[in-house]
Amino acid sequence: LFAAGEVSGGVHGANRLGGNALADTQVFGKRAGESAAKVASKTDFKENPEMVHEEKTRIESLIKDGSINPIEFKNNLKKLMWEKVGIVRDEKNLNEALRQLQEMEKELNDLKVENKAQYNTELVTALEVINMVEIAILVVKSAILRRESRGAHFRSDFPESNDAWKRSIVLNKNKIKFEAR
């Protein structure tokens, strides 16, 4: 996986504030692109028809007459993250956000994607919110774990930095790992 800009964490870590990412996107975008091209030129790519079929089936399964508009769902998700996981955080709001996100995760099966056009904004938004909910849950879990304030991550219930937390929290769906810096 090659990443650049906002998705890669960047050189600013927890202290990345608005407007500081331009240099990251330019420098690391170039580096990631060059590295990806180098790896791709040496890779003997073989199409995996089974994987293509599975992904096509997954995407086609989203086109259905559910009851939840994906655009409204996305707006609600953004509002929740801003209000409960925004600039000033605390355990109560983070736990409430996690509870609501877990409910929203269950609602993903009821997204309404009726449009079958080639450029289908409903489908694109549905795919986005599926990923956004997963990422939001991981963000909230890591914010709950980090019992300190560091950089732009401010916990009103833990307003001081703590060098014991001078480490990265690495999460996936099933595992939490702490890495020293």
N, C-alpha and C. Protein backbone atom coordinates (compact mmCIF):
# COMPACT_ATOMS: atom_id res chain seq x y z
N LEU A 1 0.85 -1.17 0.00
CA LEU A 1 0.00 0.00 0.00
C LEU A 1 0.89 1.23 0.00
N PHE A 2 0.67 2.12 -0.92
CA PHE A 2 1.42 3.37 -0.99
C PHE A 2 0.46 4.50 -0.65
N ALA A 3 0.90 5.38 0.25
CA ALA A 3 0.02 6.46 0.71
C ALA A 3 0.80 7.76 0.79
N ALA A 4 0.08 8.86 0.59
CA ALA A 4 0.69 10.19 0.70
C ALA A 4 -0.36 11.16 1.20
N GLY A 5 0.10 12.27 1.73
CA GLY A 5 -0.83 13.32 2.17
C GLY A 5 -1.55 12.94 3.44
N GLU A 6 -2.80 13.34 3.55
CA GLU A 6 -3.58 13.19 4.78
C GLU A 6 -3.67 11.75 5.26
N VAL A 7 -3.74 10.79 4.36
CA VAL A 7 -3.96 9.41 4.77
C VAL A 7 -2.72 8.75 5.36
N SER A 8 -1.55 9.32 5.16
CA SER A 8 -0.32 8.66 5.60
C SER A 8 0.14 9.08 6.99
N GLY A 9 -0.56 9.97 7.63
CA GLY A 9 -0.14 10.44 8.95
C GLY A 9 0.79 11.62 8.87
N GLY A 10 1.73 11.58 7.96
CA GLY A 10 2.60 12.72 7.70
C GLY A 10 3.66 12.96 8.77
N VAL A 11 4.47 13.97 8.52
CA VAL A 11 5.58 14.29 9.42
C VAL A 11 5.12 15.07 10.64
N HIS A 12 3.91 15.60 10.62
CA HIS A 12 3.43 16.41 11.74
C HIS A 12 2.78 15.57 12.83
N GLY A 13 2.49 14.29 12.56
CA GLY A 13 1.87 13.43 13.55
C GLY A 13 0.59 14.01 14.09
N ALA A 14 0.43 13.96 15.42
CA ALA A 14 -0.80 14.44 16.05
C ALA A 14 -0.92 15.95 15.99
N ASN A 15 0.13 16.63 15.58
CA ASN A 15 0.11 18.09 15.59
C ASN A 15 -0.19 18.70 14.22
N ARG A 16 -0.74 17.93 13.28
CA ARG A 16 -1.05 18.45 11.95
C ARG A 16 -2.28 19.33 12.04
N LEU A 17 -2.08 20.61 11.86
CA LEU A 17 -3.18 21.56 11.87
C LEU A 17 -3.51 21.98 10.45
N GLY A 18 -4.68 22.57 10.27
CA GLY A 18 -5.13 22.99 8.95
C GLY A 18 -4.09 23.82 8.22
N GLY A 19 -3.83 23.48 6.98
CA GLY A 19 -2.89 24.23 6.15
C GLY A 19 -1.47 23.69 6.20
N ASN A 20 -1.16 22.80 7.13
CA ASN A 20 0.20 22.28 7.25
C ASN A 20 0.47 21.10 6.32
N ALA A 21 -0.51 20.62 5.61
CA ALA A 21 -0.35 19.38 4.85
C ALA A 21 0.15 19.58 3.43
N LEU A 22 0.22 20.80 2.94
CA LEU A 22 0.60 21.01 1.54
C LEU A 22 1.97 20.42 1.23
N ALA A 23 2.95 20.68 2.07
CA ALA A 23 4.29 20.13 1.82
C ALA A 23 4.26 18.60 1.85
N ASP A 24 3.51 18.03 2.80
CA ASP A 24 3.38 16.57 2.86
C ASP A 24 2.85 16.01 1.55
N THR A 25 1.78 16.60 1.03
CA THR A 25 1.16 16.06 -0.17
C THR A 25 2.10 16.12 -1.36
N GLN A 26 2.90 17.17 -1.43
CA GLN A 26 3.80 17.33 -2.57
C GLN A 26 5.01 16.40 -2.46
N VAL A 27 5.70 16.46 -1.34
CA VAL A 27 6.92 15.67 -1.17
C VAL A 27 6.62 14.18 -1.12
N PHE A 28 5.69 13.79 -0.25
CA PHE A 28 5.44 12.37 -0.07
C PHE A 28 4.57 11.80 -1.18
N GLY A 29 3.78 12.63 -1.84
CA GLY A 29 3.06 12.17 -3.02
C GLY A 29 4.02 11.77 -4.12
N LYS A 30 5.03 12.59 -4.34
CA LYS A 30 6.06 12.29 -5.34
C LYS A 30 6.81 11.01 -4.96
N ARG A 31 7.21 10.91 -3.70
CA ARG A 31 7.96 9.73 -3.25
C ARG A 31 7.12 8.46 -3.35
N ALA A 32 5.85 8.54 -2.93
CA ALA A 32 4.98 7.36 -2.99
C ALA A 32 4.73 6.96 -4.44
N GLY A 33 4.50 7.95 -5.30
CA GLY A 33 4.28 7.67 -6.72
C GLY A 33 5.47 7.02 -7.38
N GLU A 34 6.66 7.54 -7.11
CA GLU A 34 7.88 6.96 -7.68
C GLU A 34 8.10 5.54 -7.17
N SER A 35 7.87 5.32 -5.88
CA SER A 35 8.04 3.98 -5.30
C SER A 35 7.02 3.00 -5.88
N ALA A 36 5.78 3.44 -6.02
CA ALA A 36 4.74 2.57 -6.58
C ALA A 36 5.07 2.20 -8.02
N ALA A 37 5.55 3.17 -8.79
CA ALA A 37 5.92 2.90 -10.19
C ALA A 37 7.07 1.90 -10.26
N LYS A 38 8.04 2.04 -9.37
CA LYS A 38 9.19 1.13 -9.35
C LYS A 38 8.74 -0.30 -9.03
N VAL A 39 7.90 -0.45 -8.02
CA VAL A 39 7.40 -1.78 -7.65
C VAL A 39 6.55 -2.35 -8.78
N ALA A 40 5.67 -1.54 -9.35
CA ALA A 40 4.78 -2.01 -10.42
C ALA A 40 5.57 -2.47 -11.64
N SER A 41 6.66 -1.79 -11.95
CA SER A 41 7.44 -2.16 -13.14
C SER A 41 8.14 -3.51 -12.95
N LYS A 42 8.33 -3.95 -11.71
CA LYS A 42 9.00 -5.22 -11.43
C LYS A 42 8.01 -6.33 -11.07
N THR A 43 6.73 -6.02 -11.07
CA THR A 43 5.72 -6.98 -10.64
C THR A 43 5.11 -7.69 -11.84
N ASP A 44 5.04 -9.00 -11.74
CA ASP A 44 4.37 -9.80 -12.77
C ASP A 44 2.91 -9.93 -12.35
N PHE A 45 2.07 -9.01 -12.82
CA PHE A 45 0.67 -8.96 -12.41
C PHE A 45 -0.14 -10.02 -13.13
N LYS A 46 -0.88 -10.77 -12.34
CA LYS A 46 -1.81 -11.74 -12.90
C LYS A 46 -3.19 -11.42 -12.34
N GLU A 47 -4.14 -11.23 -13.22
CA GLU A 47 -5.51 -10.94 -12.78
C GLU A 47 -6.07 -12.14 -12.02
N ASN A 48 -6.78 -11.84 -10.95
CA ASN A 48 -7.40 -12.88 -10.14
C ASN A 48 -8.91 -12.80 -10.37
N PRO A 49 -9.44 -13.60 -11.30
CA PRO A 49 -10.87 -13.51 -11.63
C PRO A 49 -11.79 -13.73 -10.43
N GLU A 50 -11.39 -14.59 -9.50
CA GLU A 50 -12.22 -14.84 -8.32
C GLU A 50 -12.32 -13.58 -7.46
N MET A 51 -11.21 -12.89 -7.29
CA MET A 51 -11.21 -11.66 -6.50
C MET A 51 -12.04 -10.57 -7.19
N VAL A 52 -11.91 -10.48 -8.50
CA VAL A 52 -12.69 -9.50 -9.27
C VAL A 52 -14.18 -9.81 -9.12
N HIS A 53 -14.54 -11.08 -9.22
CA HIS A 53 -15.95 -11.49 -9.08
C HIS A 53 -16.48 -11.16 -7.68
N GLU A 54 -15.69 -11.44 -6.64
CA GLU A 54 -16.11 -11.15 -5.27
C GLU A 54 -16.36 -9.65 -5.07
N GLU A 55 -15.47 -8.83 -5.60
CA GLU A 55 -15.62 -7.37 -5.43
C GLU A 55 -16.82 -6.87 -6.23
N LYS A 56 -17.00 -7.39 -7.44
CA LYS A 56 -18.15 -7.00 -8.26
C LYS A 56 -19.45 -7.38 -7.55
N THR A 57 -19.50 -8.56 -6.97
CA THR A 57 -20.68 -9.01 -6.23
C THR A 57 -20.93 -8.12 -5.02
N ARG A 58 -19.87 -7.77 -4.29
CA ARG A 58 -20.01 -6.90 -3.12
C ARG A 58 -20.58 -5.55 -3.51
N ILE A 59 -20.07 -4.97 -4.59
CA ILE A 59 -20.53 -3.66 -5.03
C ILE A 59 -21.97 -3.74 -5.54
N GLU A 60 -22.27 -4.75 -6.34
CA GLU A 60 -23.63 -4.90 -6.85
C GLU A 60 -24.64 -5.12 -5.73
N SER A 61 -24.20 -5.75 -4.63
CA SER A 61 -25.12 -6.00 -3.51
C SER A 61 -25.55 -4.71 -2.81
N LEU A 62 -24.81 -3.64 -3.04
CA LEU A 62 -25.17 -2.34 -2.44
C LEU A 62 -26.31 -1.66 -3.17
N ILE A 63 -26.55 -2.05 -4.42
CA ILE A 63 -27.62 -1.43 -5.20
C ILE A 63 -28.93 -2.10 -4.81
N LYS A 64 -29.67 -1.41 -3.94
CA LYS A 64 -30.91 -1.98 -3.42
C LYS A 64 -31.79 -0.86 -2.89
N ASP A 65 -33.00 -1.21 -2.58
CA ASP A 65 -33.99 -0.25 -2.10
C ASP A 65 -34.02 -0.26 -0.57
N GLY A 66 -32.95 0.21 0.04
CA GLY A 66 -32.92 0.33 1.50
C GLY A 66 -33.69 1.56 1.93
N SER A 67 -33.60 1.88 3.21
CA SER A 67 -34.36 3.03 3.72
C SER A 67 -33.48 4.21 4.10
N ILE A 68 -32.14 4.06 4.01
CA ILE A 68 -31.24 5.12 4.46
C ILE A 68 -30.51 5.74 3.27
N ASN A 69 -30.68 7.04 3.10
CA ASN A 69 -30.00 7.77 2.04
C ASN A 69 -28.52 7.89 2.41
N PRO A 70 -27.61 7.41 1.55
CA PRO A 70 -26.19 7.44 1.89
C PRO A 70 -25.63 8.86 2.07
N ILE A 71 -26.19 9.84 1.37
CA ILE A 71 -25.70 11.22 1.51
C ILE A 71 -26.09 11.77 2.88
N GLU A 72 -27.33 11.53 3.30
CA GLU A 72 -27.76 11.94 4.64
C GLU A 72 -26.96 11.21 5.72
N PHE A 73 -26.72 9.92 5.48
CA PHE A 73 -25.93 9.12 6.42
C PHE A 73 -24.54 9.73 6.58
N LYS A 74 -23.92 10.09 5.46
CA LYS A 74 -22.58 10.70 5.50
C LYS A 74 -22.61 12.01 6.28
N ASN A 75 -23.61 12.83 6.05
CA ASN A 75 -23.73 14.10 6.78
C ASN A 75 -23.89 13.86 8.28
N ASN A 76 -24.68 12.86 8.65
CA ASN A 76 -24.86 12.53 10.07
C ASN A 76 -23.56 12.03 10.69
N LEU A 77 -22.81 11.25 9.94
CA LEU A 77 -21.52 10.75 10.41
C LEU A 77 -20.55 11.91 10.64
N LYS A 78 -20.49 12.82 9.68
CA LYS A 78 -19.61 13.99 9.82
C LYS A 78 -20.00 14.83 11.03
N LYS A 79 -21.30 15.02 11.23
CA LYS A 79 -21.80 15.80 12.37
C LYS A 79 -21.42 15.13 13.69
N LEU A 80 -21.62 13.82 13.77
CA LEU A 80 -21.26 13.07 14.98
C LEU A 80 -19.77 13.22 15.29
N MET A 81 -18.94 13.04 14.27
CA MET A 81 -17.49 13.12 14.50
C MET A 81 -17.08 14.53 14.93
N TRP A 82 -17.69 15.55 14.36
CA TRP A 82 -17.36 16.92 14.73
C TRP A 82 -17.78 17.21 16.18
N GLU A 83 -19.00 16.79 16.53
CA GLU A 83 -19.54 17.12 17.85
C GLU A 83 -18.93 16.30 18.98
N LYS A 84 -18.61 15.03 18.74
CA LYS A 84 -18.14 14.15 19.82
C LYS A 84 -16.65 13.84 19.77
N VAL A 85 -16.03 14.01 18.60
CA VAL A 85 -14.63 13.63 18.44
C VAL A 85 -13.83 14.79 17.85
N GLY A 86 -14.34 15.99 18.02
CA GLY A 86 -13.73 17.17 17.41
C GLY A 86 -12.47 17.64 18.12
N ILE A 87 -12.32 18.93 18.22
CA ILE A 87 -11.09 19.53 18.72
C ILE A 87 -10.86 19.22 20.19
N VAL A 88 -11.87 19.39 21.03
CA VAL A 88 -11.76 19.08 22.45
C VAL A 88 -12.51 17.78 22.71
N ARG A 89 -11.79 16.80 23.24
CA ARG A 89 -12.35 15.47 23.44
C ARG A 89 -12.38 15.12 24.93
N ASP A 90 -13.29 14.22 25.29
CA ASP A 90 -13.28 13.65 26.63
C ASP A 90 -13.87 12.24 26.55
N GLU A 91 -13.61 11.47 27.58
CA GLU A 91 -14.00 10.06 27.55
C GLU A 91 -15.50 9.86 27.37
N LYS A 92 -16.31 10.68 28.03
CA LYS A 92 -17.77 10.54 27.92
C LYS A 92 -18.22 10.70 26.46
N ASN A 93 -17.79 11.77 25.80
CA ASN A 93 -18.20 11.99 24.40
C ASN A 93 -17.59 10.95 23.46
N LEU A 94 -16.36 10.54 23.72
CA LEU A 94 -15.74 9.52 22.88
C LEU A 94 -16.49 8.19 22.99
N ASN A 95 -16.86 7.81 24.21
CA ASN A 95 -17.63 6.57 24.38
C ASN A 95 -19.01 6.67 23.75
N GLU A 96 -19.63 7.83 23.84
CA GLU A 96 -20.93 8.04 23.19
C GLU A 96 -20.78 7.96 21.67
N ALA A 97 -19.71 8.55 21.15
CA ALA A 97 -19.45 8.48 19.71
C ALA A 97 -19.26 7.03 19.28
N LEU A 98 -18.49 6.27 20.05
CA LEU A 98 -18.26 4.86 19.71
C LEU A 98 -19.57 4.09 19.71
N ARG A 99 -20.42 4.32 20.70
CA ARG A 99 -21.72 3.65 20.75
C ARG A 99 -22.55 3.97 19.51
N GLN A 100 -22.61 5.27 19.15
CA GLN A 100 -23.39 5.68 17.98
C GLN A 100 -22.78 5.13 16.69
N LEU A 101 -21.47 5.09 16.61
CA LEU A 101 -20.81 4.55 15.41
C LEU A 101 -21.11 3.06 15.25
N GLN A 102 -21.14 2.33 16.35
CA GLN A 102 -21.45 0.91 16.28
C GLN A 102 -22.90 0.70 15.83
N GLU A 103 -23.80 1.59 16.23
CA GLU A 103 -25.18 1.53 15.72
C GLU A 103 -25.20 1.86 14.23
N MET A 104 -24.45 2.88 13.84
CA MET A 104 -24.41 3.27 12.42
C MET A 104 -23.84 2.14 11.58
N GLU A 105 -22.87 1.43 12.12
CA GLU A 105 -22.27 0.31 11.40
C GLU A 105 -23.33 -0.74 11.06
N LYS A 106 -24.25 -0.98 11.98
CA LYS A 106 -25.35 -1.93 11.74
C LYS A 106 -26.29 -1.42 10.65
N GLU A 107 -26.45 -0.10 10.56
CA GLU A 107 -27.37 0.50 9.58
C GLU A 107 -26.82 0.46 8.16
N LEU A 108 -25.53 0.18 7.99
CA LEU A 108 -24.94 0.19 6.65
C LEU A 108 -25.62 -0.80 5.71
N ASN A 109 -26.19 -1.86 6.25
CA ASN A 109 -26.89 -2.84 5.41
C ASN A 109 -28.20 -2.32 4.86
N ASP A 110 -28.64 -1.17 5.34
CA ASP A 110 -29.93 -0.63 4.91
C ASP A 110 -29.77 0.65 4.07
N LEU A 111 -28.59 0.83 3.47
CA LEU A 111 -28.39 2.00 2.61
C LEU A 111 -29.23 1.86 1.35
N LYS A 112 -29.76 2.98 0.90
CA LYS A 112 -30.62 3.01 -0.29
C LYS A 112 -29.79 3.49 -1.48
N VAL A 113 -29.52 2.58 -2.41
CA VAL A 113 -28.80 2.92 -3.64
C VAL A 113 -29.64 2.40 -4.79
N GLU A 114 -30.44 3.30 -5.36
CA GLU A 114 -31.35 2.90 -6.44
C GLU A 114 -30.75 3.17 -7.82
N ASN A 115 -29.96 4.20 -7.91
CA ASN A 115 -29.40 4.63 -9.18
C ASN A 115 -28.49 3.53 -9.75
N LYS A 116 -28.68 3.20 -11.01
CA LYS A 116 -27.84 2.19 -11.66
C LYS A 116 -27.01 2.79 -12.79
N ALA A 117 -26.89 4.11 -12.80
CA ALA A 117 -26.12 4.79 -13.85
C ALA A 117 -24.65 4.42 -13.75
N GLN A 118 -23.93 4.63 -14.86
CA GLN A 118 -22.50 4.31 -14.88
C GLN A 118 -21.75 5.17 -13.86
N TYR A 119 -22.01 6.47 -13.84
CA TYR A 119 -21.42 7.32 -12.81
C TYR A 119 -22.48 7.51 -11.74
N ASN A 120 -22.39 6.70 -10.71
CA ASN A 120 -23.44 6.58 -9.71
C ASN A 120 -22.96 7.21 -8.40
N THR A 121 -23.37 8.45 -8.15
CA THR A 121 -22.91 9.15 -6.95
C THR A 121 -23.47 8.51 -5.68
N GLU A 122 -24.67 7.94 -5.74
CA GLU A 122 -25.22 7.24 -4.57
C GLU A 122 -24.32 6.06 -4.19
N LEU A 123 -23.91 5.29 -5.19
CA LEU A 123 -23.07 4.12 -4.94
C LEU A 123 -21.70 4.55 -4.42
N VAL A 124 -21.12 5.58 -5.04
CA VAL A 124 -19.82 6.09 -4.58
C VAL A 124 -19.92 6.53 -3.12
N THR A 125 -20.98 7.25 -2.78
CA THR A 125 -21.17 7.70 -1.40
C THR A 125 -21.37 6.52 -0.46
N ALA A 126 -22.12 5.51 -0.88
CA ALA A 126 -22.31 4.31 -0.05
C ALA A 126 -20.98 3.63 0.22
N LEU A 127 -20.15 3.48 -0.80
CA LEU A 127 -18.83 2.88 -0.61
C LEU A 127 -17.97 3.73 0.33
N GLU A 128 -18.06 5.05 0.18
CA GLU A 128 -17.31 5.96 1.06
C GLU A 128 -17.74 5.80 2.51
N VAL A 129 -19.04 5.80 2.77
CA VAL A 129 -19.49 5.75 4.17
C VAL A 129 -19.18 4.42 4.83
N ILE A 130 -19.17 3.35 4.06
CA ILE A 130 -18.76 2.05 4.63
C ILE A 130 -17.34 2.16 5.16
N ASN A 131 -16.45 2.75 4.37
CA ASN A 131 -15.07 2.93 4.80
C ASN A 131 -14.96 3.98 5.91
N MET A 132 -15.74 5.05 5.80
CA MET A 132 -15.68 6.13 6.80
C MET A 132 -16.09 5.64 8.18
N VAL A 133 -17.11 4.80 8.26
CA VAL A 133 -17.55 4.28 9.56
C VAL A 133 -16.45 3.40 10.17
N GLU A 134 -15.86 2.55 9.35
CA GLU A 134 -14.77 1.70 9.85
C GLU A 134 -13.61 2.54 10.39
N ILE A 135 -13.20 3.54 9.63
CA ILE A 135 -12.10 4.42 10.05
C ILE A 135 -12.50 5.22 11.28
N ALA A 136 -13.72 5.74 11.32
CA ALA A 136 -14.18 6.54 12.46
C ALA A 136 -14.12 5.71 13.75
N ILE A 137 -14.52 4.45 13.68
CA ILE A 137 -14.47 3.59 14.86
C ILE A 137 -13.03 3.43 15.33
N LEU A 138 -12.10 3.24 14.41
CA LEU A 138 -10.69 3.10 14.79
C LEU A 138 -10.14 4.40 15.37
N VAL A 139 -10.53 5.54 14.80
CA VAL A 139 -10.09 6.84 15.33
C VAL A 139 -10.58 7.02 16.76
N VAL A 140 -11.84 6.72 17.00
CA VAL A 140 -12.42 6.89 18.33
C VAL A 140 -11.76 5.93 19.33
N LYS A 141 -11.57 4.68 18.93
CA LYS A 141 -10.92 3.72 19.84
C LYS A 141 -9.52 4.20 20.22
N SER A 142 -8.77 4.71 19.25
CA SER A 142 -7.42 5.18 19.58
C SER A 142 -7.46 6.43 20.45
N ALA A 143 -8.44 7.31 20.23
CA ALA A 143 -8.58 8.52 21.05
C ALA A 143 -8.97 8.16 22.48
N ILE A 144 -9.77 7.12 22.65
CA ILE A 144 -10.13 6.65 24.00
C ILE A 144 -8.89 6.09 24.70
N LEU A 145 -8.09 5.33 23.97
CA LEU A 145 -6.89 4.73 24.56
C LEU A 145 -5.86 5.78 24.98
N ARG A 146 -5.70 6.84 24.20
CA ARG A 146 -4.66 7.84 24.48
C ARG A 146 -5.15 8.75 25.60
N ARG A 147 -4.71 8.43 26.81
CA ARG A 147 -5.16 9.14 28.00
C ARG A 147 -4.19 10.27 28.32
N GLU A 148 -4.08 11.19 27.38
CA GLU A 148 -3.23 12.37 27.49
C GLU A 148 -3.65 13.34 26.39
N SER A 149 -3.05 14.51 26.41
CA SER A 149 -3.18 15.45 25.29
C SER A 149 -1.82 15.53 24.62
N ARG A 150 -1.83 15.51 23.29
CA ARG A 150 -0.58 15.59 22.53
C ARG A 150 -0.88 16.24 21.20
N GLY A 151 -0.16 17.32 20.91
CA GLY A 151 -0.37 18.02 19.65
C GLY A 151 -1.80 18.50 19.53
N ALA A 152 -2.42 18.21 18.40
CA ALA A 152 -3.79 18.65 18.16
C ALA A 152 -4.82 17.71 18.78
N HIS A 153 -4.38 16.62 19.39
CA HIS A 153 -5.28 15.71 20.12
C HIS A 153 -5.37 16.24 21.55
N PHE A 154 -6.50 16.89 21.88
CA PHE A 154 -6.67 17.47 23.21
C PHE A 154 -7.79 16.77 23.95
N ARG A 155 -7.45 16.16 25.08
CA ARG A 155 -8.43 15.53 25.96
C ARG A 155 -8.62 16.45 27.15
N SER A 156 -9.82 16.99 27.33
CA SER A 156 -10.08 17.88 28.46
C SER A 156 -9.97 17.14 29.79
N ASP A 157 -10.18 15.82 29.78
CA ASP A 157 -10.04 15.02 31.00
C ASP A 157 -8.60 14.58 31.25
N PHE A 158 -7.72 14.77 30.28
CA PHE A 158 -6.28 14.50 30.41
C PHE A 158 -5.54 15.63 29.69
N PRO A 159 -5.52 16.83 30.27
CA PRO A 159 -5.01 18.00 29.55
C PRO A 159 -3.49 18.06 29.38
N GLU A 160 -2.75 17.23 30.08
CA GLU A 160 -1.28 17.28 30.00
C GLU A 160 -0.75 16.17 29.10
N SER A 161 0.44 16.42 28.52
CA SER A 161 1.15 15.37 27.80
C SER A 161 1.79 14.44 28.82
N ASN A 162 1.95 13.19 28.44
CA ASN A 162 2.55 12.20 29.32
C ASN A 162 3.54 11.40 28.47
N ASP A 163 4.82 11.47 28.81
CA ASP A 163 5.84 10.80 28.00
C ASP A 163 5.67 9.29 27.94
N ALA A 164 4.92 8.72 28.87
CA ALA A 164 4.62 7.29 28.79
C ALA A 164 3.80 6.98 27.53
N TRP A 165 3.12 8.01 27.00
CA TRP A 165 2.31 7.85 25.79
C TRP A 165 3.05 8.32 24.55
N LYS A 166 4.34 8.48 24.63
CA LYS A 166 5.11 8.91 23.46
C LYS A 166 5.30 7.69 22.55
N ARG A 167 4.22 7.29 21.97
CA ARG A 167 4.20 6.10 21.11
C ARG A 167 3.02 6.21 20.15
N SER A 168 3.07 5.42 19.12
CA SER A 168 1.98 5.38 18.15
C SER A 168 1.03 4.25 18.52
N ILE A 169 -0.24 4.48 18.29
CA ILE A 169 -1.25 3.43 18.47
C ILE A 169 -1.59 2.92 17.08
N VAL A 170 -1.35 1.63 16.85
CA VAL A 170 -1.61 1.02 15.55
C VAL A 170 -2.80 0.08 15.73
N LEU A 171 -3.86 0.34 14.99
CA LEU A 171 -5.09 -0.44 15.12
C LEU A 171 -5.47 -1.09 13.80
N ASN A 172 -6.07 -2.26 13.90
CA ASN A 172 -6.85 -2.78 12.80
C ASN A 172 -8.12 -3.33 13.42
N LYS A 173 -8.97 -3.95 12.67
CA LYS A 173 -10.26 -4.37 13.21
C LYS A 173 -10.12 -5.28 14.43
N ASN A 174 -9.08 -6.10 14.48
CA ASN A 174 -9.00 -7.12 15.51
C ASN A 174 -7.83 -6.98 16.47
N LYS A 175 -6.99 -5.98 16.29
CA LYS A 175 -5.77 -5.93 17.07
C LYS A 175 -5.36 -4.50 17.37
N ILE A 176 -4.79 -4.29 18.56
CA ILE A 176 -4.23 -3.00 18.96
C ILE A 176 -2.76 -3.23 19.26
N LYS A 177 -1.91 -2.34 18.74
CA LYS A 177 -0.48 -2.46 18.97
C LYS A 177 0.06 -1.07 19.29
N PHE A 178 0.98 -1.01 20.23
CA PHE A 178 1.64 0.25 20.57
C PHE A 178 3.07 0.18 20.05
N GLU A 179 3.51 1.24 19.37
CA GLU A 179 4.87 1.28 18.84
C GLU A 179 5.57 2.50 19.41
N ALA A 180 6.73 2.27 20.02
CA ALA A 180 7.53 3.38 20.55
C ALA A 180 8.07 4.19 19.39
N ARG A 181 8.20 5.49 19.61
CA ARG A 181 8.74 6.36 18.57
C ARG A 181 10.24 6.41 18.66
